[in-house]
């Protein structure tokens, strides 16, 4: 970043800007705060990018990888509820049912979910 001629003072940024090295960390911190404090998720002790919310009969799992979020639960209504709540806080694009993530192909059949890395 280059400063224009005549600017010798340093400015403090109050929030992360796209392209800065701290931007991904600031984004994750903001998302984590929302998930934990407002949406009642618990951060996993084993994986910092996994968040868990236990409801009466359902467990909602939410995985974050950079700017991708994967949400799963046995109840579609719970998944829709989490997506709606996140959409109220952030600009989201719902990509529908998961078919490919992190180099893994995901196939949904009547027998279950199959994962493959052949793609």
PDB file of N, CA and C in Angstrom:
ATOM      1  N   UNK A   1       0.844  -1.174   0.000  1.00  0.00           N
ATOM      2  CA  UNK A   1       0.000   0.000   0.000  1.00  0.00           C
ATOM      3  C   UNK A   1       0.884   1.229   0.000  1.00  0.00           C
ATOM      4  N   UNK A   2       0.643   2.148  -0.881  1.00  0.00           N
ATOM      5  CA  UNK A   2       1.432   3.375  -0.952  1.00  0.00           C
ATOM      6  C   UNK A   2       0.577   4.557  -0.531  1.00  0.00           C
ATOM      7  N   UNK A   3       1.183   5.445   0.230  1.00  0.00           N
ATOM      8  CA  UNK A   3       0.484   6.645   0.680  1.00  0.00           C
ATOM      9  C   UNK A   3       0.698   7.772  -0.318  1.00  0.00           C
ATOM     10  N   UNK A   4      -0.319   8.583  -0.555  1.00  0.00           N
ATOM     11  CA  UNK A   4      -0.154   9.733  -1.443  1.00  0.00           C
ATOM     12  C   UNK A   4       0.826  10.746  -0.850  1.00  0.00           C
ATOM     13  N   UNK A   5       1.422  11.538  -1.685  1.00  0.00           N
ATOM     14  CA  UNK A   5       2.354  12.566  -1.235  1.00  0.00           C
ATOM     15  C   UNK A   5       1.641  13.517  -0.280  1.00  0.00           C
ATOM     16  N   UNK A   6       2.322  13.826   0.820  1.00  0.00           N
ATOM     17  CA  UNK A   6       1.753  14.748   1.796  1.00  0.00           C
ATOM     18  C   UNK A   6       1.055  14.062   2.954  1.00  0.00           C
ATOM     19  N   UNK A   7       0.917  12.741   2.902  1.00  0.00           N
ATOM     20  CA  UNK A   7       0.283  12.016   4.003  1.00  0.00           C
ATOM     21  C   UNK A   7       1.360  11.324   4.824  1.00  0.00           C
ATOM     22  N   UNK A   8       1.618  11.839   6.006  1.00  0.00           N
ATOM     23  CA  UNK A   8       2.632  11.255   6.876  1.00  0.00           C
ATOM     24  C   UNK A   8       2.012  10.600   8.109  1.00  0.00           C
ATOM     25  N   UNK A   9       0.747  10.839   8.371  1.00  0.00           N
ATOM     26  CA  UNK A   9       0.094  10.302   9.555  1.00  0.00           C
ATOM     27  C   UNK A   9      -0.378   8.868   9.301  1.00  0.00           C
ATOM     28  N   UNK A  10      -0.482   8.121  10.353  1.00  0.00           N
ATOM     29  CA  UNK A  10      -0.956   6.745  10.279  1.00  0.00           C
ATOM     30  C   UNK A  10      -2.409   6.720  10.735  1.00  0.00           C
ATOM     31  N   UNK A  11      -3.220   5.951  10.072  1.00  0.00           N
ATOM     32  CA  UNK A  11      -4.631   5.828  10.432  1.00  0.00           C
ATOM     33  C   UNK A  11      -4.881   4.453  11.036  1.00  0.00           C
ATOM     34  N   UNK A  12      -5.771   4.401  12.008  1.00  0.00           N
ATOM     35  CA  UNK A  12      -6.163   3.134  12.609  1.00  0.00           C
ATOM     36  C   UNK A  12      -7.424   2.632  11.909  1.00  0.00           C
ATOM     37  N   UNK A  13      -7.398   1.384  11.468  1.00  0.00           N
ATOM     38  CA  UNK A  13      -8.576   0.778  10.850  1.00  0.00           C
ATOM     39  C   UNK A  13      -9.472   0.230  11.949  1.00  0.00           C
ATOM     40  N   UNK A  14     -10.741   0.524  11.887  1.00  0.00           N
ATOM     41  CA  UNK A  14     -11.678   0.037  12.893  1.00  0.00           C
ATOM     42  C   UNK A  14     -12.282  -1.309  12.530  1.00  0.00           C
ATOM     43  N   UNK A  15     -12.121  -1.736  11.292  1.00  0.00           N
ATOM     44  CA  UNK A  15     -12.581  -3.060  10.890  1.00  0.00           C
ATOM     45  C   UNK A  15     -11.719  -3.541   9.734  1.00  0.00           C
ATOM     46  N   UNK A  16     -11.750  -4.846   9.489  1.00  0.00           N
ATOM     47  CA  UNK A  16     -10.922  -5.424   8.441  1.00  0.00           C
ATOM     48  C   UNK A  16     -11.359  -4.983   7.056  1.00  0.00           C
ATOM     49  N   UNK A  17     -10.404  -4.804   6.178  1.00  0.00           N
ATOM     50  CA  UNK A  17     -10.679  -4.461   4.790  1.00  0.00           C
ATOM     51  C   UNK A  17     -10.285  -5.624   3.895  1.00  0.00           C
ATOM     52  N   UNK A  18     -11.033  -5.820   2.821  1.00  0.00           N
ATOM     53  CA  UNK A  18     -10.733  -6.875   1.867  1.00  0.00           C
ATOM     54  C   UNK A  18      -9.310  -6.695   1.345  1.00  0.00           C
ATOM     55  N   UNK A  19      -8.551  -7.769   1.333  1.00  0.00           N
ATOM     56  CA  UNK A  19      -7.196  -7.735   0.793  1.00  0.00           C
ATOM     57  C   UNK A  19      -6.115  -7.595   1.847  1.00  0.00           C
ATOM     58  N   UNK A  20      -6.465  -7.168   3.039  1.00  0.00           N
ATOM     59  CA  UNK A  20      -5.462  -7.075   4.097  1.00  0.00           C
ATOM     60  C   UNK A  20      -5.152  -8.466   4.634  1.00  0.00           C
ATOM     61  N   UNK A  21      -3.953  -8.634   5.162  1.00  0.00           N
ATOM     62  CA  UNK A  21      -3.578  -9.944   5.700  1.00  0.00           C
ATOM     63  C   UNK A  21      -4.449 -10.332   6.890  1.00  0.00           C
ATOM     64  N   UNK A  22      -4.938  -9.354   7.626  1.00  0.00           N
ATOM     65  CA  UNK A  22      -5.759  -9.638   8.806  1.00  0.00           C
ATOM     66  C   UNK A  22      -7.226  -9.886   8.461  1.00  0.00           C
ATOM     67  N   UNK A  23      -7.637  -9.661   7.222  1.00  0.00           N
ATOM     68  CA  UNK A  23      -9.048  -9.754   6.842  1.00  0.00           C
ATOM     69  C   UNK A  23      -9.656 -11.136   7.116  1.00  0.00           C
ATOM     70  N   UNK A  24      -8.998 -12.243   6.745  1.00  0.00           N
ATOM     71  CA  UNK A  24      -9.604 -13.551   7.034  1.00  0.00           C
ATOM     72  C   UNK A  24      -9.803 -13.794   8.529  1.00  0.00           C
ATOM     73  N   UNK A  25      -8.829 -13.374   9.324  1.00  0.00           N
ATOM     74  CA  UNK A  25      -8.944 -13.547  10.774  1.00  0.00           C
ATOM     75  C   UNK A  25     -10.096 -12.706  11.326  1.00  0.00           C
ATOM     76  N   UNK A  26     -10.217 -11.464  10.852  1.00  0.00           N
ATOM     77  CA  UNK A  26     -11.298 -10.588  11.303  1.00  0.00           C
ATOM     78  C   UNK A  26     -12.659 -11.158  10.903  1.00  0.00           C
ATOM     79  N   UNK A  27     -12.757 -11.701   9.682  1.00  0.00           N
ATOM     80  CA  UNK A  27     -14.006 -12.308   9.218  1.00  0.00           C
ATOM     81  C   UNK A  27     -14.373 -13.502  10.085  1.00  0.00           C
ATOM     82  N   UNK A  28     -13.414 -14.385  10.356  1.00  0.00           N
ATOM     83  CA  UNK A  28     -13.704 -15.573  11.154  1.00  0.00           C
ATOM     84  C   UNK A  28     -14.116 -15.175  12.565  1.00  0.00           C
ATOM     85  N   UNK A  29     -13.453 -14.172  13.136  1.00  0.00           N
ATOM     86  CA  UNK A  29     -13.795 -13.711  14.483  1.00  0.00           C
ATOM     87  C   UNK A  29     -15.236 -13.187  14.510  1.00  0.00           C
ATOM     88  N   UNK A  30     -15.620 -12.404  13.508  1.00  0.00           N
ATOM     89  CA  UNK A  30     -16.981 -11.866  13.433  1.00  0.00           C
ATOM     90  C   UNK A  30     -18.003 -12.992  13.300  1.00  0.00           C
ATOM     91  N   UNK A  31     -17.729 -13.956  12.417  1.00  0.00           N
ATOM     92  CA  UNK A  31     -18.636 -15.087  12.223  1.00  0.00           C
ATOM     93  C   UNK A  31     -18.745 -15.920  13.496  1.00  0.00           C
ATOM     94  N   UNK A  32     -17.620 -16.202  14.126  1.00  0.00           N
ATOM     95  CA  UNK A  32     -17.617 -17.008  15.349  1.00  0.00           C
ATOM     96  C   UNK A  32     -18.412 -16.323  16.455  1.00  0.00           C
ATOM     97  N   UNK A  33     -18.231 -15.015  16.608  1.00  0.00           N
ATOM     98  CA  UNK A  33     -18.979 -14.279  17.629  1.00  0.00           C
ATOM     99  C   UNK A  33     -20.481 -14.398  17.382  1.00  0.00           C
ATOM    100  N   UNK A  34     -20.894 -14.278  16.140  1.00  0.00           N
ATOM    101  CA  UNK A  34     -22.311 -14.398  15.798  1.00  0.00           C
ATOM    102  C   UNK A  34     -22.824 -15.803  16.101  1.00  0.00           C
ATOM    103  N   UNK A  35     -22.074 -16.824  15.682  1.00  0.00           N
ATOM    104  CA  UNK A  35     -22.505 -18.206  15.892  1.00  0.00           C
ATOM    105  C   UNK A  35     -22.617 -18.547  17.371  1.00  0.00           C
ATOM    106  N   UNK A  36     -21.638 -18.130  18.151  1.00  0.00           N
ATOM    107  CA  UNK A  36     -21.594 -18.507  19.567  1.00  0.00           C
ATOM    108  C   UNK A  36     -22.558 -17.674  20.406  1.00  0.00           C
ATOM    109  N   UNK A  37     -22.551 -16.364  20.224  1.00  0.00           N
ATOM    110  CA  UNK A  37     -23.347 -15.510  21.113  1.00  0.00           C
ATOM    111  C   UNK A  37     -24.798 -15.356  20.673  1.00  0.00           C
ATOM    112  N   UNK A  38     -25.059 -15.336  19.377  1.00  0.00           N
ATOM    113  CA  UNK A  38     -26.419 -15.076  18.915  1.00  0.00           C
ATOM    114  C   UNK A  38     -27.170 -16.323  18.456  1.00  0.00           C
ATOM    115  N   UNK A  39     -26.453 -17.294  17.905  1.00  0.00           N
ATOM    116  CA  UNK A  39     -27.125 -18.484  17.371  1.00  0.00           C
ATOM    117  C   UNK A  39     -26.940 -19.722  18.244  1.00  0.00           C
ATOM    118  N   UNK A  40     -26.302 -19.562  19.399  1.00  0.00           N
ATOM    119  CA  UNK A  40     -26.151 -20.634  20.403  1.00  0.00           C
ATOM    120  C   UNK A  40     -25.384 -21.860  19.926  1.00  0.00           C
ATOM    121  N   UNK A  41     -24.384 -21.661  19.078  1.00  0.00           N
ATOM    122  CA  UNK A  41     -23.500 -22.751  18.685  1.00  0.00           C
ATOM    123  C   UNK A  41     -22.351 -22.826  19.679  1.00  0.00           C
ATOM    124  N   UNK A  42     -21.754 -23.994  19.792  1.00  0.00           N
ATOM    125  CA  UNK A  42     -20.540 -24.178  20.583  1.00  0.00           C
ATOM    126  C   UNK A  42     -19.404 -24.506  19.633  1.00  0.00           C
ATOM    127  N   UNK A  43     -18.253 -23.888  19.849  1.00  0.00           N
ATOM    128  CA  UNK A  43     -17.083 -24.185  19.029  1.00  0.00           C
ATOM    129  C   UNK A  43     -16.523 -25.538  19.451  1.00  0.00           C
ATOM    130  N   UNK A  44     -16.168 -26.356  18.489  1.00  0.00           N
ATOM    131  CA  UNK A  44     -15.581 -27.664  18.769  1.00  0.00           C
ATOM    132  C   UNK A  44     -14.190 -27.487  19.364  1.00  0.00           C
ATOM    133  N   UNK A  45     -13.863 -28.309  20.346  1.00  0.00           N
ATOM    134  CA  UNK A  45     -12.522 -28.263  20.935  1.00  0.00           C
ATOM    135  C   UNK A  45     -11.507 -28.946  20.027  1.00  0.00           C
ATOM    136  N   UNK A  46     -11.968 -29.868  19.186  1.00  0.00           N
ATOM    137  CA  UNK A  46     -11.068 -30.612  18.307  1.00  0.00           C
ATOM    138  C   UNK A  46     -10.759 -29.866  17.017  1.00  0.00           C
ATOM    139  N   UNK A  47     -11.706 -29.073  16.523  1.00  0.00           N
ATOM    140  CA  UNK A  47     -11.539 -28.371  15.249  1.00  0.00           C
ATOM    141  C   UNK A  47     -12.148 -26.978  15.373  1.00  0.00           C
ATOM    142  N   UNK A  48     -11.336 -25.929  15.297  1.00  0.00           N
ATOM    143  CA  UNK A  48     -11.863 -24.576  15.488  1.00  0.00           C
ATOM    144  C   UNK A  48     -12.828 -24.116  14.396  1.00  0.00           C
ATOM    145  N   UNK A  49     -12.888 -24.832  13.282  1.00  0.00           N
ATOM    146  CA  UNK A  49     -13.802 -24.431  12.210  1.00  0.00           C
ATOM    147  C   UNK A  49     -15.121 -25.206  12.246  1.00  0.00           C
ATOM    148  N   UNK A  50     -15.327 -26.011  13.279  1.00  0.00           N
ATOM    149  CA  UNK A  50     -16.561 -26.779  13.433  1.00  0.00           C
ATOM    150  C   UNK A  50     -17.360 -26.215  14.598  1.00  0.00           C
ATOM    151  N   UNK A  51     -18.640 -25.972  14.348  1.00  0.00           N
ATOM    152  CA  UNK A  51     -19.531 -25.445  15.376  1.00  0.00           C
ATOM    153  C   UNK A  51     -20.708 -26.392  15.529  1.00  0.00           C
ATOM    154  N   UNK A  52     -21.136 -26.596  16.779  1.00  0.00           N
ATOM    155  CA  UNK A  52     -22.166 -27.586  17.089  1.00  0.00           C
ATOM    156  C   UNK A  52     -23.270 -26.920  17.905  1.00  0.00           C
ATOM    157  N   UNK A  53     -24.516 -27.185  17.513  1.00  0.00           N
ATOM    158  CA  UNK A  53     -25.659 -26.716  18.302  1.00  0.00           C
ATOM    159  C   UNK A  53     -26.551 -27.917  18.554  1.00  0.00           C
ATOM    160  N   UNK A  54     -26.752 -28.231  19.830  1.00  0.00           N
ATOM    161  CA  UNK A  54     -27.581 -29.361  20.214  1.00  0.00           C
ATOM    162  C   UNK A  54     -28.957 -28.855  20.611  1.00  0.00           C
ATOM    163  N   UNK A  55     -29.955 -29.368  19.943  1.00  0.00           N
ATOM    164  CA  UNK A  55     -31.340 -29.038  20.257  1.00  0.00           C
ATOM    165  C   UNK A  55     -31.970 -30.271  20.887  1.00  0.00           C
ATOM    166  N   UNK A  56     -33.233 -30.236  21.181  1.00  0.00           N
ATOM    167  CA  UNK A  56     -33.871 -31.350  21.879  1.00  0.00           C
ATOM    168  C   UNK A  56     -33.588 -32.699  21.221  1.00  0.00           C
ATOM    169  N   UNK A  57     -33.879 -32.830  19.941  1.00  0.00           N
ATOM    170  CA  UNK A  57     -33.660 -34.102  19.250  1.00  0.00           C
ATOM    171  C   UNK A  57     -32.631 -34.003  18.141  1.00  0.00           C
ATOM    172  N   UNK A  58     -32.223 -32.801  17.805  1.00  0.00           N
ATOM    173  CA  UNK A  58     -31.358 -32.598  16.650  1.00  0.00           C
ATOM    174  C   UNK A  58     -30.020 -31.992  17.046  1.00  0.00           C
ATOM    175  N   UNK A  59     -29.012 -32.363  16.290  1.00  0.00           N
ATOM    176  CA  UNK A  59     -27.691 -31.754  16.422  1.00  0.00           C
ATOM    177  C   UNK A  59     -27.387 -31.079  15.089  1.00  0.00           C
ATOM    178  N   UNK A  60     -27.102 -29.786  15.136  1.00  0.00           N
ATOM    179  CA  UNK A  60     -26.762 -29.039  13.930  1.00  0.00           C
ATOM    180  C   UNK A  60     -25.248 -28.896  13.888  1.00  0.00           C
ATOM    181  N   UNK A  61     -24.637 -29.309  12.780  1.00  0.00           N
ATOM    182  CA  UNK A  61     -23.196 -29.173  12.583  1.00  0.00           C
ATOM    183  C   UNK A  61     -22.956 -28.123  11.514  1.00  0.00           C
ATOM    184  N   UNK A  62     -22.052 -27.197  11.802  1.00  0.00           N
ATOM    185  CA  UNK A  62     -21.735 -26.129  10.865  1.00  0.00           C
ATOM    186  C   UNK A  62     -20.229 -26.086  10.708  1.00  0.00           C
ATOM    187  N   UNK A  63     -19.756 -26.273   9.479  1.00  0.00           N
ATOM    188  CA  UNK A  63     -18.325 -26.274   9.190  1.00  0.00           C
ATOM    189  C   UNK A  63     -17.987 -25.044   8.357  1.00  0.00           C
ATOM    190  N   UNK A  64     -16.907 -24.360   8.727  1.00  0.00           N
ATOM    191  CA  UNK A  64     -16.472 -23.163   8.011  1.00  0.00           C
ATOM    192  C   UNK A  64     -15.120 -23.446   7.374  1.00  0.00           C
ATOM    193  N   UNK A  65     -14.996 -23.151   6.078  1.00  0.00           N
ATOM    194  CA  UNK A  65     -13.705 -23.221   5.397  1.00  0.00           C
ATOM    195  C   UNK A  65     -13.564 -21.957   4.560  1.00  0.00           C
ATOM    196  N   UNK A  66     -12.721 -21.061   5.005  1.00  0.00           N
ATOM    197  CA  UNK A  66     -12.484 -19.749   4.408  1.00  0.00           C
ATOM    198  C   UNK A  66     -13.807 -18.988   4.330  1.00  0.00           C
ATOM    199  N   UNK A  67     -14.442 -18.918   3.165  1.00  0.00           N
ATOM    200  CA  UNK A  67     -15.728 -18.224   3.080  1.00  0.00           C
ATOM    201  C   UNK A  67     -16.856 -19.173   2.675  1.00  0.00           C
ATOM    202  N   UNK A  68     -16.622 -20.470   2.833  1.00  0.00           N
ATOM    203  CA  UNK A  68     -17.652 -21.477   2.568  1.00  0.00           C
ATOM    204  C   UNK A  68     -18.167 -22.020   3.892  1.00  0.00           C
ATOM    205  N   UNK A  69     -19.462 -22.222   3.973  1.00  0.00           N
ATOM    206  CA  UNK A  69     -20.083 -22.768   5.175  1.00  0.00           C
ATOM    207  C   UNK A  69     -20.929 -23.968   4.765  1.00  0.00           C
ATOM    208  N   UNK A  70     -20.728 -25.093   5.447  1.00  0.00           N
ATOM    209  CA  UNK A  70     -21.521 -26.298   5.219  1.00  0.00           C
ATOM    210  C   UNK A  70     -22.322 -26.549   6.489  1.00  0.00           C
ATOM    211  N   UNK A  71     -23.642 -26.689   6.340  1.00  0.00           N
ATOM    212  CA  UNK A  71     -24.528 -26.911   7.482  1.00  0.00           C
ATOM    213  C   UNK A  71     -25.244 -28.232   7.271  1.00  0.00           C
ATOM    214  N   UNK A  72     -25.282 -29.047   8.320  1.00  0.00           N
ATOM    215  CA  UNK A  72     -26.005 -30.312   8.218  1.00  0.00           C
ATOM    216  C   UNK A  72     -26.747 -30.599   9.517  1.00  0.00           C
ATOM    217  N   UNK A  73     -27.863 -31.289   9.369  1.00  0.00           N
ATOM    218  CA  UNK A  73     -28.694 -31.686  10.501  1.00  0.00           C
ATOM    219  C   UNK A  73     -29.692 -32.710   9.978  1.00  0.00           C
ATOM    220  N   UNK A  74     -30.219 -33.537  10.855  1.00  0.00           N
ATOM    221  CA  UNK A  74     -31.223 -34.509  10.420  1.00  0.00           C
ATOM    222  C   UNK A  74     -32.553 -33.830  10.095  1.00  0.00           C
ATOM    223  N   UNK A  75     -32.715 -32.594  10.529  1.00  0.00           N
ATOM    224  CA  UNK A  75     -33.942 -31.845  10.270  1.00  0.00           C
ATOM    225  C   UNK A  75     -33.682 -30.727   9.259  1.00  0.00           C
ATOM    226  N   UNK A  76     -34.337 -30.801   8.101  1.00  0.00           N
ATOM    227  CA  UNK A  76     -34.197 -29.738   7.101  1.00  0.00           C
ATOM    228  C   UNK A  76     -34.707 -28.406   7.628  1.00  0.00           C
ATOM    229  N   UNK A  77     -35.705 -28.450   8.506  1.00  0.00           N
ATOM    230  CA  UNK A  77     -36.245 -27.215   9.079  1.00  0.00           C
ATOM    231  C   UNK A  77     -35.184 -26.491   9.904  1.00  0.00           C
ATOM    232  N   UNK A  78     -34.366 -27.241  10.622  1.00  0.00           N
ATOM    233  CA  UNK A  78     -33.297 -26.624  11.421  1.00  0.00           C
ATOM    234  C   UNK A  78     -32.230 -26.010  10.522  1.00  0.00           C
ATOM    235  N   UNK A  79     -31.889 -26.705   9.441  1.00  0.00           N
ATOM    236  CA  UNK A  79     -30.913 -26.157   8.490  1.00  0.00           C
ATOM    237  C   UNK A  79     -31.450 -24.857   7.906  1.00  0.00           C
ATOM    238  N   UNK A  80     -32.715 -24.861   7.496  1.00  0.00           N
ATOM    239  CA  UNK A  80     -33.328 -23.652   6.941  1.00  0.00           C
ATOM    240  C   UNK A  80     -33.348 -22.519   7.960  1.00  0.00           C
ATOM    241  N   UNK A  81     -33.595 -22.855   9.213  1.00  0.00           N
ATOM    242  CA  UNK A  81     -33.616 -21.844  10.270  1.00  0.00           C
ATOM    243  C   UNK A  81     -32.245 -21.201  10.448  1.00  0.00           C
ATOM    244  N   UNK A  82     -31.196 -22.013  10.461  1.00  0.00           N
ATOM    245  CA  UNK A  82     -29.835 -21.483  10.606  1.00  0.00           C
ATOM    246  C   UNK A  82     -29.472 -20.617   9.401  1.00  0.00           C
ATOM    247  N   UNK A  83     -29.822 -21.066   8.205  1.00  0.00           N
ATOM    248  CA  UNK A  83     -29.535 -20.282   6.995  1.00  0.00           C
ATOM    249  C   UNK A  83     -30.250 -18.939   7.059  1.00  0.00           C
ATOM    250  N   UNK A  84     -31.512 -18.943   7.485  1.00  0.00           N
ATOM    251  CA  UNK A  84     -32.266 -17.689   7.613  1.00  0.00           C
ATOM    252  C   UNK A  84     -31.614 -16.748   8.628  1.00  0.00           C
ATOM    253  N   UNK A  85     -31.205 -17.297   9.772  1.00  0.00           N
ATOM    254  CA  UNK A  85     -30.577 -16.477  10.807  1.00  0.00           C
ATOM    255  C   UNK A  85     -29.254 -15.897  10.318  1.00  0.00           C
ATOM    256  N   UNK A  86     -28.465 -16.691   9.616  1.00  0.00           N
ATOM    257  CA  UNK A  86     -27.207 -16.185   9.076  1.00  0.00           C
ATOM    258  C   UNK A  86     -27.454 -15.156   7.979  1.00  0.00           C
ATOM    259  N   UNK A  87     -28.492 -15.390   7.176  1.00  0.00           N
ATOM    260  CA  UNK A  87     -28.827 -14.449   6.097  1.00  0.00           C
ATOM    261  C   UNK A  87     -29.231 -13.083   6.661  1.00  0.00           C
ATOM    262  N   UNK A  88     -29.814 -13.070   7.862  1.00  0.00           N
ATOM    263  CA  UNK A  88     -30.170 -11.801   8.505  1.00  0.00           C
ATOM    264  C   UNK A  88     -28.938 -11.021   8.943  1.00  0.00           C
ATOM    265  N   UNK A  89     -27.819 -11.707   9.160  1.00  0.00           N
ATOM    266  CA  UNK A  89     -26.591 -11.061   9.642  1.00  0.00           C
ATOM    267  C   UNK A  89     -25.578 -10.798   8.534  1.00  0.00           C
ATOM    268  N   UNK A  90     -25.534 -11.664   7.536  1.00  0.00           N
ATOM    269  CA  UNK A  90     -24.504 -11.604   6.498  1.00  0.00           C
ATOM    270  C   UNK A  90     -25.134 -11.763   5.115  1.00  0.00           C
ATOM    271  N   UNK A  91     -24.401 -11.328   4.105  1.00  0.00           N
ATOM    272  CA  UNK A  91     -24.835 -11.560   2.723  1.00  0.00           C
ATOM    273  C   UNK A  91     -24.474 -13.000   2.359  1.00  0.00           C
ATOM    274  N   UNK A  92     -25.466 -13.807   2.052  1.00  0.00           N
ATOM    275  CA  UNK A  92     -25.251 -15.226   1.755  1.00  0.00           C
ATOM    276  C   UNK A  92     -25.730 -15.571   0.354  1.00  0.00           C
ATOM    277  N   UNK A  93     -25.148 -16.635  -0.163  1.00  0.00           N
ATOM    278  CA  UNK A  93     -25.637 -17.235  -1.402  1.00  0.00           C
ATOM    279  C   UNK A  93     -25.812 -18.719  -1.114  1.00  0.00           C
ATOM    280  N   UNK A  94     -27.045 -19.175  -1.078  1.00  0.00           N
ATOM    281  CA  UNK A  94     -27.333 -20.579  -0.799  1.00  0.00           C
ATOM    282  C   UNK A  94     -27.068 -21.385  -2.060  1.00  0.00           C
ATOM    283  N   UNK A  95     -26.118 -22.316  -1.979  1.00  0.00           N
ATOM    284  CA  UNK A  95     -25.725 -23.115  -3.132  1.00  0.00           C
ATOM    285  C   UNK A  95     -26.517 -24.418  -3.224  1.00  0.00           C
ATOM    286  N   UNK A  96     -27.493 -24.608  -2.332  1.00  0.00           N
ATOM    287  CA  UNK A  96     -28.317 -25.810  -2.373  1.00  0.00           C
ATOM    288  C   UNK A  96     -27.632 -26.996  -1.709  1.00  0.00           C
ATOM    289  N   UNK A  97     -28.084 -28.180  -2.087  1.00  0.00           N
ATOM    290  CA  UNK A  97     -27.553 -29.401  -1.492  1.00  0.00           C
ATOM    291  C   UNK A  97     -26.080 -29.575  -1.853  1.00  0.00           C
ATOM    292  N   UNK A  98     -25.289 -29.975  -0.877  1.00  0.00           N
ATOM    293  CA  UNK A  98     -23.848 -30.143  -1.051  1.00  0.00           C
ATOM    294  C   UNK A  98     -23.553 -31.245  -2.066  1.00  0.00           C
ATOM    295  N   UNK A  99     -22.699 -30.923  -3.051  1.00  0.00           N
ATOM    296  CA  UNK A  99     -22.305 -31.930  -4.035  1.00  0.00           C
ATOM    297  C   UNK A  99     -20.784 -32.042  -4.159  1.00  0.00           C
ATOM    298  N   UNK A 100     -20.065 -30.995  -3.755  1.00  0.00           N
ATOM    299  CA  UNK A 100     -18.605 -31.022  -3.862  1.00  0.00           C
ATOM    300  C   UNK A 100     -18.027 -30.028  -2.860  1.00  0.00           C
ATOM    301  N   UNK A 101     -17.059 -30.476  -2.051  1.00  0.00           N
ATOM    302  CA  UNK A 101     -16.420 -29.583  -1.078  1.00  0.00           C
ATOM    303  C   UNK A 101     -15.018 -30.095  -0.766  1.00  0.00           C
ATOM    304  N   UNK A 102     -14.047 -29.206  -0.772  1.00  0.00           N
ATOM    305  CA  UNK A 102     -12.664 -29.528  -0.398  1.00  0.00           C
ATOM    306  C   UNK A 102     -12.115 -30.742  -1.139  1.00  0.00           C
ATOM    307  N   UNK A 103     -12.413 -30.852  -2.415  1.00  0.00           N
ATOM    308  CA  UNK A 103     -11.914 -31.960  -3.214  1.00  0.00           C
ATOM    309  C   UNK A 103     -12.659 -33.264  -3.004  1.00  0.00           C
ATOM    310  N   UNK A 104     -13.786 -33.213  -2.322  1.00  0.00           N
ATOM    311  CA  UNK A 104     -14.572 -34.415  -2.047  1.00  0.00           C
ATOM    312  C   UNK A 104     -15.924 -34.297  -2.737  1.00  0.00           C
ATOM    313  N   UNK A 105     -16.246 -35.301  -3.536  1.00  0.00           N
ATOM    314  CA  UNK A 105     -17.552 -35.355  -4.186  1.00  0.00           C
ATOM    315  C   UNK A 105     -18.545 -35.988  -3.218  1.00  0.00           C
ATOM    316  N   UNK A 106     -19.708 -35.393  -3.077  1.00  0.00           N
ATOM    317  CA  UNK A 106     -20.734 -35.871  -2.152  1.00  0.00           C
ATOM    318  C   UNK A 106     -21.940 -36.314  -2.971  1.00  0.00           C
ATOM    319  N   UNK A 107     -22.324 -37.589  -2.819  1.00  0.00           N
ATOM    320  CA  UNK A 107     -23.478 -38.134  -3.542  1.00  0.00           C
ATOM    321  C   UNK A 107     -24.540 -38.546  -2.532  1.00  0.00           C
ATOM    322  N   UNK A 108     -25.759 -38.043  -2.732  1.00  0.00           N
ATOM    323  CA  UNK A 108     -26.883 -38.378  -1.865  1.00  0.00           C
ATOM    324  C   UNK A 108     -27.738 -39.421  -2.577  1.00  0.00           C
ATOM    325  N   UNK A 109     -27.929 -40.573  -1.941  1.00  0.00           N
ATOM    326  CA  UNK A 109     -28.783 -41.622  -2.505  1.00  0.00           C
ATOM    327  C   UNK A 109     -29.770 -42.075  -1.436  1.00  0.00           C
ATOM    328  N   UNK A 110     -30.658 -42.979  -1.822  1.00  0.00           N
ATOM    329  CA  UNK A 110     -31.625 -43.508  -0.853  1.00  0.00           C
ATOM    330  C   UNK A 110     -30.940 -44.364   0.216  1.00  0.00           C
ATOM    331  N   UNK A 111     -29.737 -44.854  -0.083  1.00  0.00           N
ATOM    332  CA  UNK A 111     -29.005 -45.676   0.882  1.00  0.00           C
ATOM    333  C   UNK A 111     -28.180 -44.849   1.863  1.00  0.00           C
ATOM    334  N   UNK A 112     -27.954 -43.590   1.538  1.00  0.00           N
ATOM    335  CA  UNK A 112     -27.157 -42.738   2.419  1.00  0.00           C
ATOM    336  C   UNK A 112     -26.347 -41.727   1.631  1.00  0.00           C
ATOM    337  N   UNK A 113     -25.302 -41.253   2.254  1.00  0.00           N
ATOM    338  CA  UNK A 113     -24.419 -40.260   1.642  1.00  0.00           C
ATOM    339  C   UNK A 113     -23.085 -40.932   1.356  1.00  0.00           C
ATOM    340  N   UNK A 114     -22.596 -40.775   0.126  1.00  0.00           N
ATOM    341  CA  UNK A 114     -21.329 -41.373  -0.268  1.00  0.00           C
ATOM    342  C   UNK A 114     -20.330 -40.278  -0.604  1.00  0.00           C
ATOM    343  N   UNK A 115     -19.110 -40.435  -0.096  1.00  0.00           N
ATOM    344  CA  UNK A 115     -18.036 -39.477  -0.331  1.00  0.00           C
ATOM    345  C   UNK A 115     -16.992 -40.109  -1.230  1.00  0.00           C
ATOM    346  N   UNK A 116     -16.479 -39.334  -2.182  1.00  0.00           N
ATOM    347  CA  UNK A 116     -15.493 -39.852  -3.116  1.00  0.00           C
ATOM    348  C   UNK A 116     -14.521 -38.745  -3.497  1.00  0.00           C
ATOM    349  N   UNK A 117     -13.265 -39.130  -3.743  1.00  0.00           N
ATOM    350  CA  UNK A 117     -12.262 -38.173  -4.192  1.00  0.00           C
ATOM    351  C   UNK A 117     -11.821 -38.451  -5.622  1.00  0.00           C
ATOM    352  N   UNK A 118     -12.625 -39.150  -6.400  1.00  0.00           N
ATOM    353  CA  UNK A 118     -12.227 -39.531  -7.756  1.00  0.00           C
ATOM    354  C   UNK A 118     -12.354 -38.392  -8.756  1.00  0.00           C
ATOM    355  N   UNK A 119     -13.056 -37.334  -8.443  1.00  0.00           N
ATOM    356  CA  UNK A 119     -13.288 -36.237  -9.387  1.00  0.00           C
ATOM    357  C   UNK A 119     -12.029 -35.445  -9.653  1.00  0.00           C
TER     358      UNK A 119
END
